[in-house]
Amino acid sequence: MQGYQFNKQSEEEDLTNVIQSEDSIISFQAHLPLSLSKAMNDFIERYPNWDQYRLVQAALAGFLMQNGVESRSISRLYIGNMFGLSSLIEVE
């Protein structure tokens, strides 16, 4: 499937590993259109304190909140990712 990759092959392999945190987390693998993958990579290069996991978590939590999901843990996840101390430190 050319043009549909989440990131580099090594990053796809990382997605299959379970991430440890305070909540139970399941890992998933997703194929993205090339334009979305490029935009995500460009953003991460510009803001190195973000990574693909943080970006996807913030995007999913924001989408769910905007579409009526009322969950304190989802709200905390969204707010923590978006408005944490290191949310938008840009590389010069």
Protein backbone atom coordinates (compact mmCIF):
# COMPACT_ATOMS: atom_id res chain seq x y z
CA MET A 1 0.00 0.00 0.00
CA GLN A 2 2.13 2.85 -1.18
CA GLY A 3 1.23 6.28 0.12
CA TYR A 4 -0.42 4.97 3.28
CA GLN A 5 2.04 4.87 6.13
CA PHE A 6 1.90 6.12 9.69
CA ASN A 7 5.54 7.11 9.70
CA LYS A 8 8.75 5.28 9.04
CA GLN A 9 8.83 1.48 9.29
CA SER A 10 10.61 1.61 12.67
CA GLU A 11 7.88 3.88 14.04
CA GLU A 12 5.21 1.46 12.81
CA GLU A 13 6.94 -1.29 14.77
CA ASP A 14 6.95 0.94 17.86
CA LEU A 15 3.17 1.29 17.59
CA THR A 16 2.72 -2.42 18.19
CA ASN A 17 4.30 -2.11 21.63
CA VAL A 18 2.07 -1.38 24.59
CA ILE A 19 2.82 1.99 26.20
CA GLN A 20 2.88 2.08 30.00
CA SER A 21 1.09 4.91 31.82
CA GLU A 22 -1.35 5.55 34.65
CA ASP A 23 -4.28 4.37 32.50
CA SER A 24 -4.63 1.09 30.68
CA ILE A 25 -3.51 1.67 27.12
CA ILE A 26 -3.92 -0.45 24.05
CA SER A 27 -1.73 0.06 21.06
CA PHE A 28 -3.03 0.22 17.52
CA GLN A 29 -1.59 0.56 14.08
CA ALA A 30 -3.14 2.90 11.54
CA HIS A 31 -2.50 3.59 7.89
CA LEU A 32 -2.73 7.28 7.05
CA PRO A 33 -2.95 9.09 3.74
CA LEU A 34 0.43 10.43 2.71
CA SER A 35 -0.68 14.06 3.07
CA LEU A 36 -1.78 13.51 6.68
CA SER A 37 1.42 11.65 7.52
CA LYS A 38 3.51 14.44 5.99
CA ALA A 39 1.63 17.12 7.92
CA MET A 40 2.11 15.17 11.15
CA ASN A 41 5.83 14.71 10.49
CA ASP A 42 6.25 18.41 9.63
CA PHE A 43 4.50 19.39 12.86
CA ILE A 44 6.66 17.05 14.95
CA GLU A 45 9.83 18.40 13.31
CA ARG A 46 8.73 21.95 14.10
CA TYR A 47 7.70 21.12 17.67
CA PRO A 48 10.08 18.39 18.88
CA ASN A 49 8.46 18.16 22.32
CA TRP A 50 5.52 16.50 20.52
CA ASP A 51 5.70 12.98 19.19
CA GLN A 52 3.30 10.85 17.17
CA TYR A 53 1.72 9.37 20.30
CA ARG A 54 1.03 12.70 21.94
CA LEU A 55 -0.32 14.16 18.70
CA VAL A 56 -2.69 11.24 18.06
CA GLN A 57 -3.87 11.23 21.71
CA ALA A 58 -4.60 14.96 21.62
CA ALA A 59 -6.39 14.69 18.27
CA LEU A 60 -8.56 11.75 19.35
CA ALA A 61 -9.39 13.26 22.73
CA GLY A 62 -10.26 16.61 21.10
CA PHE A 63 -12.46 14.92 18.51
CA LEU A 64 -14.30 12.92 21.16
CA MET A 65 -14.85 15.96 23.38
CA GLN A 66 -16.16 18.02 20.44
CA ASN A 67 -18.59 15.24 19.61
CA GLY A 68 -20.23 14.94 22.99
CA VAL A 69 -18.12 12.46 24.94
CA GLU A 70 -18.23 13.56 28.56
CA SER A 71 -15.37 11.88 30.33
CA ARG A 72 -13.15 13.44 32.95
CA SER A 73 -10.17 11.27 31.91
CA ILE A 74 -10.58 12.22 28.23
CA SER A 75 -10.78 15.90 29.19
CA ARG A 76 -7.64 15.60 31.33
CA LEU A 77 -5.79 13.85 28.52
CA TYR A 78 -6.77 16.53 26.01
CA ILE A 79 -5.97 19.47 28.29
CA GLY A 80 -2.69 17.93 29.43
CA ASN A 81 -1.52 17.37 25.85
CA MET A 82 -2.69 20.70 24.47
CA PHE A 83 -1.95 23.07 27.30
CA GLY A 84 0.92 21.47 29.21
CA LEU A 85 4.03 23.48 29.95
CA SER A 86 5.83 22.15 26.89
CA SER A 87 2.92 22.15 24.46
CA LEU A 88 4.32 24.40 21.72
CA ILE A 89 8.04 24.97 21.95
CA GLU A 90 9.09 25.69 18.38
CA VAL A 91 12.47 24.82 16.87
CA GLU A 92 14.17 27.80 15.30
